[in-house]
Amino acid sequence: MRKLLTLILLITALMSKAQVDQALKRIQLYEGSEYVTYGHRITEVFSELEFHFGVGIFPKTNIAYLTYRQLVVLMQDTAKRENWTQERYLESRNYFRDHASGGRIVLYVERYGQYETNRKLFFVIVRNKNEEELKEIQFTNRPPDFITNDLFSNWAYIDLDVEMPDEFFVYVNHKLTDHLSDTKFLVEVNAAPLLPPTEEKP
């Protein structure tokens, strides 16, 4: 039975000082998990990550997605709230136009070793429903954030400068594993929100 989640992310988080929304950090996904962010349905198709007995949980690999239009609306709202200068507004608008015309993926990971959680060891491949590659992203060095003695986290914004279809796959991979792919997500853009199952009245 698939586990259904409705995840409401605060859109202000992506343009404020917060790096990744707390809701994206909290959820624990398993194969078949479905959740909704910004009106887009995301399904974890599979994960090769293994349960870590010392910590008692699986490693986390979580993503969210925003379209270009959502990024622009968010930017406009933030600019108004923070009273941006026209120069800063134009700079941000031009950046999204040139580098994120296909939207943005937000990636959050948790791992159990400090070195293996460095962002440079991860890479992401985006494919369409026919498994044709649309984009591959290699990350630069970013040391992980310390959570506990056994747990470290990291994050990234993945801006897509190619047009995205209504449905696409996101593969999140690690360079130190033996798997061809570590975690696969299906993103369905503007999909109807998931509703919890209702119990029939007797």
C-alpha atoms as a PDB file:
ATOM      1  CA  MET A   1       0.000   0.000   0.000  1.00  0.00           C
ATOM      2  CA  ARG A   2       1.442   3.329  -1.016  1.00  0.00           C
ATOM      3  CA  LYS A   3       2.000   5.926   1.656  1.00  0.00           C
ATOM      4  CA  LEU A   4       0.276   9.211   0.817  1.00  0.00           C
ATOM      5  CA  LEU A   5       1.540  12.522   2.131  1.00  0.00           C
ATOM      6  CA  THR A   6       0.260  16.009   1.611  1.00  0.00           C
ATOM      7  CA  LEU A   7       3.184  18.348   2.102  1.00  0.00           C
ATOM      8  CA  ILE A   8       2.532  22.061   2.317  1.00  0.00           C
ATOM      9  CA  LEU A   9       5.750  23.993   1.821  1.00  0.00           C
ATOM     10  CA  LEU A  10       5.971  27.656   2.694  1.00  0.00           C
ATOM     11  CA  ILE A  11       6.849  29.382  -0.549  1.00  0.00           C
ATOM     12  CA  THR A  12       8.515  32.269   1.249  1.00  0.00           C
ATOM     13  CA  ALA A  13      11.296  29.930   2.354  1.00  0.00           C
ATOM     14  CA  LEU A  14      12.974  29.780  -1.024  1.00  0.00           C
ATOM     15  CA  MET A  15      13.544  33.509  -1.252  1.00  0.00           C
ATOM     16  CA  SER A  16      14.206  34.347   2.364  1.00  0.00           C
ATOM     17  CA  LYS A  17      17.170  33.547   4.587  1.00  0.00           C
ATOM     18  CA  ALA A  18      15.869  30.002   5.088  1.00  0.00           C
ATOM     19  CA  GLN A  19      17.749  27.622   2.817  1.00  0.00           C
ATOM     20  CA  VAL A  20      15.278  24.747   2.679  1.00  0.00           C
ATOM     21  CA  ASP A  21      11.749  24.653   4.004  1.00  0.00           C
ATOM     22  CA  GLN A  22      11.476  22.767   7.292  1.00  0.00           C
ATOM     23  CA  ALA A  23       8.653  20.625   5.897  1.00  0.00           C
ATOM     24  CA  LEU A  24      10.984  19.242   3.246  1.00  0.00           C
ATOM     25  CA  LYS A  25      13.509  18.369   5.945  1.00  0.00           C
ATOM     26  CA  ARG A  26      10.990  16.588   8.154  1.00  0.00           C
ATOM     27  CA  ILE A  27       9.345  14.127   5.776  1.00  0.00           C
ATOM     28  CA  GLN A  28      10.641  10.560   5.624  1.00  0.00           C
ATOM     29  CA  LEU A  29       9.955   8.889   2.286  1.00  0.00           C
ATOM     30  CA  TYR A  30       9.790   5.255   1.243  1.00  0.00           C
ATOM     31  CA  GLU A  31       9.304   3.587  -2.120  1.00  0.00           C
ATOM     32  CA  GLY A  32       5.861   4.554  -3.403  1.00  0.00           C
ATOM     33  CA  SER A  33       5.513   7.630  -1.173  1.00  0.00           C
ATOM     34  CA  GLU A  34       3.508  10.418  -2.812  1.00  0.00           C
ATOM     35  CA  TYR A  35       3.338  14.023  -1.712  1.00  0.00           C
ATOM     36  CA  VAL A  36       2.338  17.398  -3.112  1.00  0.00           C
ATOM     37  CA  THR A  37       4.478  20.531  -3.182  1.00  0.00           C
ATOM     38  CA  TYR A  38       3.328  23.788  -4.761  1.00  0.00           C
ATOM     39  CA  GLY A  39       0.538  21.906  -6.547  1.00  0.00           C
ATOM     40  CA  HIS A  40       2.914  19.363  -8.110  1.00  0.00           C
ATOM     41  CA  ARG A  41       2.636  15.674  -7.246  1.00  0.00           C
ATOM     42  CA  ILE A  42       5.934  13.931  -6.506  1.00  0.00           C
ATOM     43  CA  THR A  43       6.285  10.155  -6.208  1.00  0.00           C
ATOM     44  CA  GLU A  44       9.345   8.324  -4.977  1.00  0.00           C
ATOM     45  CA  VAL A  45       9.472   5.574  -7.603  1.00  0.00           C
ATOM     46  CA  PHE A  46      12.325   3.678  -5.996  1.00  0.00           C
ATOM     47  CA  SER A  47      15.183   4.119  -3.556  1.00  0.00           C
ATOM     48  CA  GLU A  48      18.295   1.992  -3.085  1.00  0.00           C
ATOM     49  CA  LEU A  49      19.142   3.646   0.237  1.00  0.00           C
ATOM     50  CA  GLU A  50      19.547   1.173   3.066  1.00  0.00           C
ATOM     51  CA  PHE A  51      18.210   1.360   6.597  1.00  0.00           C
ATOM     52  CA  HIS A  52      20.858   2.545   9.069  1.00  0.00           C
ATOM     53  CA  PHE A  53      20.553   0.542  12.293  1.00  0.00           C
ATOM     54  CA  GLY A  54      22.727   2.853  14.375  1.00  0.00           C
ATOM     55  CA  VAL A  55      20.420   5.805  13.734  1.00  0.00           C
ATOM     56  CA  GLY A  56      17.206   3.864  13.260  1.00  0.00           C
ATOM     57  CA  ILE A  57      16.024   5.572  10.080  1.00  0.00           C
ATOM     58  CA  PHE A  58      16.668   5.548   6.359  1.00  0.00           C
ATOM     59  CA  PRO A  59      18.886   8.211   4.797  1.00  0.00           C
ATOM     60  CA  LYS A  60      16.786  11.048   3.391  1.00  0.00           C
ATOM     61  CA  THR A  61      16.601  12.222  -0.192  1.00  0.00           C
ATOM     62  CA  ASN A  62      13.742  14.711  -0.637  1.00  0.00           C
ATOM     63  CA  ILE A  63      12.891  17.069  -3.482  1.00  0.00           C
ATOM     64  CA  ALA A  64      10.435  19.846  -4.291  1.00  0.00           C
ATOM     65  CA  TYR A  65       9.710  21.544  -7.620  1.00  0.00           C
ATOM     66  CA  LEU A  66       8.615  25.050  -8.636  1.00  0.00           C
ATOM     67  CA  THR A  67       7.798  26.203 -12.153  1.00  0.00           C
ATOM     68  CA  TYR A  68       9.334  29.317 -13.666  1.00  0.00           C
ATOM     69  CA  ARG A  69       6.034  31.164 -13.185  1.00  0.00           C
ATOM     70  CA  GLN A  70       5.959  30.225  -9.505  1.00  0.00           C
ATOM     71  CA  LEU A  71       9.521  31.444  -9.060  1.00  0.00           C
ATOM     72  CA  VAL A  72       8.677  34.791 -10.657  1.00  0.00           C
ATOM     73  CA  VAL A  73       5.554  35.276  -8.530  1.00  0.00           C
ATOM     74  CA  LEU A  74       7.542  34.354  -5.439  1.00  0.00           C
ATOM     75  CA  MET A  75      10.296  36.782  -6.398  1.00  0.00           C
ATOM     76  CA  GLN A  76       7.790  39.598  -6.957  1.00  0.00           C
ATOM     77  CA  ASP A  77       6.168  38.952  -3.586  1.00  0.00           C
ATOM     78  CA  THR A  78       9.542  38.899  -1.836  1.00  0.00           C
ATOM     79  CA  ALA A  79      10.711  42.058  -3.629  1.00  0.00           C
ATOM     80  CA  LYS A  80       7.611  43.913  -2.502  1.00  0.00           C
ATOM     81  CA  ARG A  81       7.806  42.670   1.074  1.00  0.00           C
ATOM     82  CA  GLU A  82      11.519  43.444   1.434  1.00  0.00           C
ATOM     83  CA  ASN A  83      11.399  46.672  -0.579  1.00  0.00           C
ATOM     84  CA  TRP A  84      14.029  45.670  -3.122  1.00  0.00           C
ATOM     85  CA  THR A  85      15.767  48.246  -5.263  1.00  0.00           C
ATOM     86  CA  GLN A  86      14.952  48.182  -8.961  1.00  0.00           C
ATOM     87  CA  GLU A  87      18.500  47.016  -9.672  1.00  0.00           C
ATOM     88  CA  ARG A  88      18.145  43.992  -7.398  1.00  0.00           C
ATOM     89  CA  TYR A  89      14.726  43.158  -8.831  1.00  0.00           C
ATOM     90  CA  LEU A  90      15.975  43.302 -12.442  1.00  0.00           C
ATOM     91  CA  GLU A  91      19.013  41.221 -11.579  1.00  0.00           C
ATOM     92  CA  SER A  92      16.858  38.501 -10.020  1.00  0.00           C
ATOM     93  CA  ARG A  93      14.304  38.585 -12.842  1.00  0.00           C
ATOM     94  CA  ASN A  94      17.017  38.260 -15.467  1.00  0.00           C
ATOM     95  CA  TYR A  95      18.644  35.406 -13.572  1.00  0.00           C
ATOM     96  CA  PHE A  96      15.443  33.356 -13.493  1.00  0.00           C
ATOM     97  CA  ARG A  97      14.757  34.125 -17.158  1.00  0.00           C
ATOM     98  CA  ASP A  98      18.232  33.009 -18.223  1.00  0.00           C
ATOM     99  CA  HIS A  99      18.874  30.127 -15.819  1.00  0.00           C
ATOM    100  CA  ALA A 100      15.519  28.798 -14.560  1.00  0.00           C
ATOM    101  CA  SER A 101      13.108  28.991 -17.495  1.00  0.00           C
ATOM    102  CA  GLY A 102      12.210  25.352 -16.776  1.00  0.00           C
ATOM    103  CA  GLY A 103      11.729  25.931 -13.062  1.00  0.00           C
ATOM    104  CA  ARG A 104      13.687  24.879  -9.995  1.00  0.00           C
ATOM    105  CA  ILE A 105      14.201  21.623  -8.136  1.00  0.00           C
ATOM    106  CA  VAL A 106      15.033  21.848  -4.447  1.00  0.00           C
ATOM    107  CA  LEU A 107      17.113  18.947  -3.135  1.00  0.00           C
ATOM    108  CA  TYR A 108      17.576  18.008   0.521  1.00  0.00           C
ATOM    109  CA  VAL A 109      19.661  15.031   1.683  1.00  0.00           C
ATOM    110  CA  GLU A 110      20.696  13.471   4.978  1.00  0.00           C
ATOM    111  CA  ARG A 111      23.501  10.931   5.299  1.00  0.00           C
ATOM    112  CA  TYR A 112      25.517   9.322   8.094  1.00  0.00           C
ATOM    113  CA  GLY A 113      29.055  10.263   7.155  1.00  0.00           C
ATOM    114  CA  GLN A 114      30.454  13.783   6.970  1.00  0.00           C
ATOM    115  CA  TYR A 115      32.458  13.191   3.799  1.00  0.00           C
ATOM    116  CA  GLU A 116      29.734  11.295   1.934  1.00  0.00           C
ATOM    117  CA  THR A 117      27.268  14.135   2.607  1.00  0.00           C
ATOM    118  CA  ASN A 118      29.401  16.708   0.819  1.00  0.00           C
ATOM    119  CA  ARG A 119      27.326  18.081  -2.044  1.00  0.00           C
ATOM    120  CA  LYS A 120      30.087  17.460  -4.607  1.00  0.00           C
ATOM    121  CA  LEU A 121      29.484  13.704  -4.328  1.00  0.00           C
ATOM    122  CA  PHE A 122      25.883  13.970  -5.561  1.00  0.00           C
ATOM    123  CA  PHE A 123      24.638  14.413  -9.099  1.00  0.00           C
ATOM    124  CA  VAL A 124      21.157  14.689 -10.571  1.00  0.00           C
ATOM    125  CA  ILE A 125      19.806  13.552 -13.929  1.00  0.00           C
ATOM    126  CA  VAL A 126      16.450  14.802 -15.214  1.00  0.00           C
ATOM    127  CA  ARG A 127      14.683  12.695 -17.853  1.00  0.00           C
ATOM    128  CA  ASN A 128      11.329  12.859 -19.618  1.00  0.00           C
ATOM    129  CA  LYS A 129       8.756  10.031 -19.469  1.00  0.00           C
ATOM    130  CA  ASN A 130      10.525   8.327 -22.385  1.00  0.00           C
ATOM    131  CA  GLU A 131      13.735   8.307 -20.311  1.00  0.00           C
ATOM    132  CA  GLU A 132      15.396  10.794 -22.639  1.00  0.00           C
ATOM    133  CA  GLU A 133      17.886  12.953 -20.741  1.00  0.00           C
ATOM    134  CA  LEU A 134      16.926  16.614 -20.372  1.00  0.00           C
ATOM    135  CA  LYS A 135      19.557  17.802 -17.931  1.00  0.00           C
ATOM    136  CA  GLU A 136      22.455  16.509 -15.843  1.00  0.00           C
ATOM    137  CA  ILE A 137      23.663  18.490 -12.856  1.00  0.00           C
ATOM    138  CA  GLN A 138      27.022  18.043 -11.137  1.00  0.00           C
ATOM    139  CA  PHE A 139      27.384  19.896  -7.851  1.00  0.00           C
ATOM    140  CA  THR A 140      30.258  21.940  -6.515  1.00  0.00           C
ATOM    141  CA  ASN A 141      31.836  21.490  -3.114  1.00  0.00           C
ATOM    142  CA  ARG A 142      29.656  22.312  -0.101  1.00  0.00           C
ATOM    143  CA  PRO A 143      30.484  20.772   3.308  1.00  0.00           C
ATOM    144  CA  PRO A 144      27.453  19.298   5.062  1.00  0.00           C
ATOM    145  CA  ASP A 145      25.566  20.821   7.940  1.00  0.00           C
ATOM    146  CA  PHE A 146      25.973  19.074  11.279  1.00  0.00           C
ATOM    147  CA  ILE A 147      22.795  17.577  12.762  1.00  0.00           C
ATOM    148  CA  THR A 148      23.963  14.969  15.311  1.00  0.00           C
ATOM    149  CA  ASN A 149      27.065  12.832  15.874  1.00  0.00           C
ATOM    150  CA  ASP A 150      25.671  10.333  13.352  1.00  0.00           C
ATOM    151  CA  LEU A 151      23.791  12.541  10.920  1.00  0.00           C
ATOM    152  CA  PHE A 152      24.683  15.269   8.426  1.00  0.00           C
ATOM    153  CA  SER A 153      22.590  17.171   5.868  1.00  0.00           C
ATOM    154  CA  ASN A 154      23.044  19.133   2.673  1.00  0.00           C
ATOM    155  CA  TRP A 155      20.892  20.896   0.087  1.00  0.00           C
ATOM    156  CA  ALA A 156      20.930  22.430  -3.362  1.00  0.00           C
ATOM    157  CA  TYR A 157      18.846  24.513  -5.747  1.00  0.00           C
ATOM    158  CA  ILE A 158      18.765  23.018  -9.229  1.00  0.00           C
ATOM    159  CA  ASP A 159      17.739  25.650 -11.741  1.00  0.00           C
ATOM    160  CA  LEU A 160      16.555  24.215 -15.056  1.00  0.00           C
ATOM    161  CA  ASP A 161      17.359  26.202 -18.182  1.00  0.00           C
ATOM    162  CA  VAL A 162      15.442  23.820 -20.470  1.00  0.00           C
ATOM    163  CA  GLU A 163      11.716  23.530 -21.053  1.00  0.00           C
ATOM    164  CA  MET A 164      10.160  20.900 -18.814  1.00  0.00           C
ATOM    165  CA  PRO A 165       7.289  18.583 -19.776  1.00  0.00           C
ATOM    166  CA  ASP A 166       4.239  18.050 -17.572  1.00  0.00           C
ATOM    167  CA  GLU A 167       5.751  14.815 -16.257  1.00  0.00           C
ATOM    168  CA  PHE A 168       9.423  14.046 -15.761  1.00  0.00           C
ATOM    169  CA  PHE A 169      11.793  11.904 -13.716  1.00  0.00           C
ATOM    170  CA  VAL A 170      14.454  13.137 -11.311  1.00  0.00           C
ATOM    171  CA  TYR A 171      17.299  10.760 -10.469  1.00  0.00           C
ATOM    172  CA  VAL A 172      19.387  11.657  -7.423  1.00  0.00           C
ATOM    173  CA  ASN A 173      22.656   9.722  -7.408  1.00  0.00           C
ATOM    174  CA  HIS A 174      25.756   9.418  -5.261  1.00  0.00           C
ATOM    175  CA  LYS A 175      29.237   8.861  -6.663  1.00  0.00           C
ATOM    176  CA  LEU A 176      30.305   6.443  -3.918  1.00  0.00           C
ATOM    177  CA  THR A 177      27.507   3.892  -4.278  1.00  0.00           C
ATOM    178  CA  ASP A 178      27.465   0.847  -6.534  1.00  0.00           C
ATOM    179  CA  HIS A 179      23.963   1.574  -7.806  1.00  0.00           C
ATOM    180  CA  LEU A 180      23.250   2.810 -11.298  1.00  0.00           C
ATOM    181  CA  SER A 181      20.688   5.128  -9.699  1.00  0.00           C
ATOM    182  CA  ASP A 182      20.093   5.684  -5.992  1.00  0.00           C
ATOM    183  CA  THR A 183      16.693   7.411  -5.876  1.00  0.00           C
ATOM    184  CA  LYS A 184      14.149   8.079  -8.614  1.00  0.00           C
ATOM    185  CA  PHE A 185      11.253  10.544  -8.432  1.00  0.00           C
ATOM    186  CA  LEU A 186       8.338  11.187 -10.749  1.00  0.00           C
ATOM    187  CA  VAL A 187       7.247  14.839 -10.876  1.00  0.00           C
ATOM    188  CA  GLU A 188       3.753  15.572 -12.214  1.00  0.00           C
ATOM    189  CA  VAL A 189       3.377  19.290 -12.809  1.00  0.00           C
ATOM    190  CA  ASN A 190       0.132  20.932 -11.651  1.00  0.00           C
ATOM    191  CA  ALA A 191      -1.339  17.555 -10.734  1.00  0.00           C
ATOM    192  CA  ALA A 192      -4.492  17.545  -8.651  1.00  0.00           C
ATOM    193  CA  PRO A 193      -3.708  17.646  -4.934  1.00  0.00           C
ATOM    194  CA  LEU A 194      -3.756  14.338  -3.135  1.00  0.00           C
ATOM    195  CA  LEU A 195      -6.644  13.920  -0.755  1.00  0.00           C
ATOM    196  CA  PRO A 196      -6.614  11.523   2.188  1.00  0.00           C
ATOM    197  CA  PRO A 197      -8.874   8.485   1.770  1.00  0.00           C
ATOM    198  CA  THR A 198     -12.319   8.950   3.274  1.00  0.00           C
ATOM    199  CA  GLU A 199     -14.002   6.346   5.408  1.00  0.00           C
ATOM    200  CA  GLU A 200     -17.403   5.208   4.284  1.00  0.00           C
ATOM    201  CA  LYS A 201     -20.139   5.726   6.794  1.00  0.00           C
ATOM    202  CA  PRO A 202     -21.942   2.532   7.865  1.00  0.00           C
END
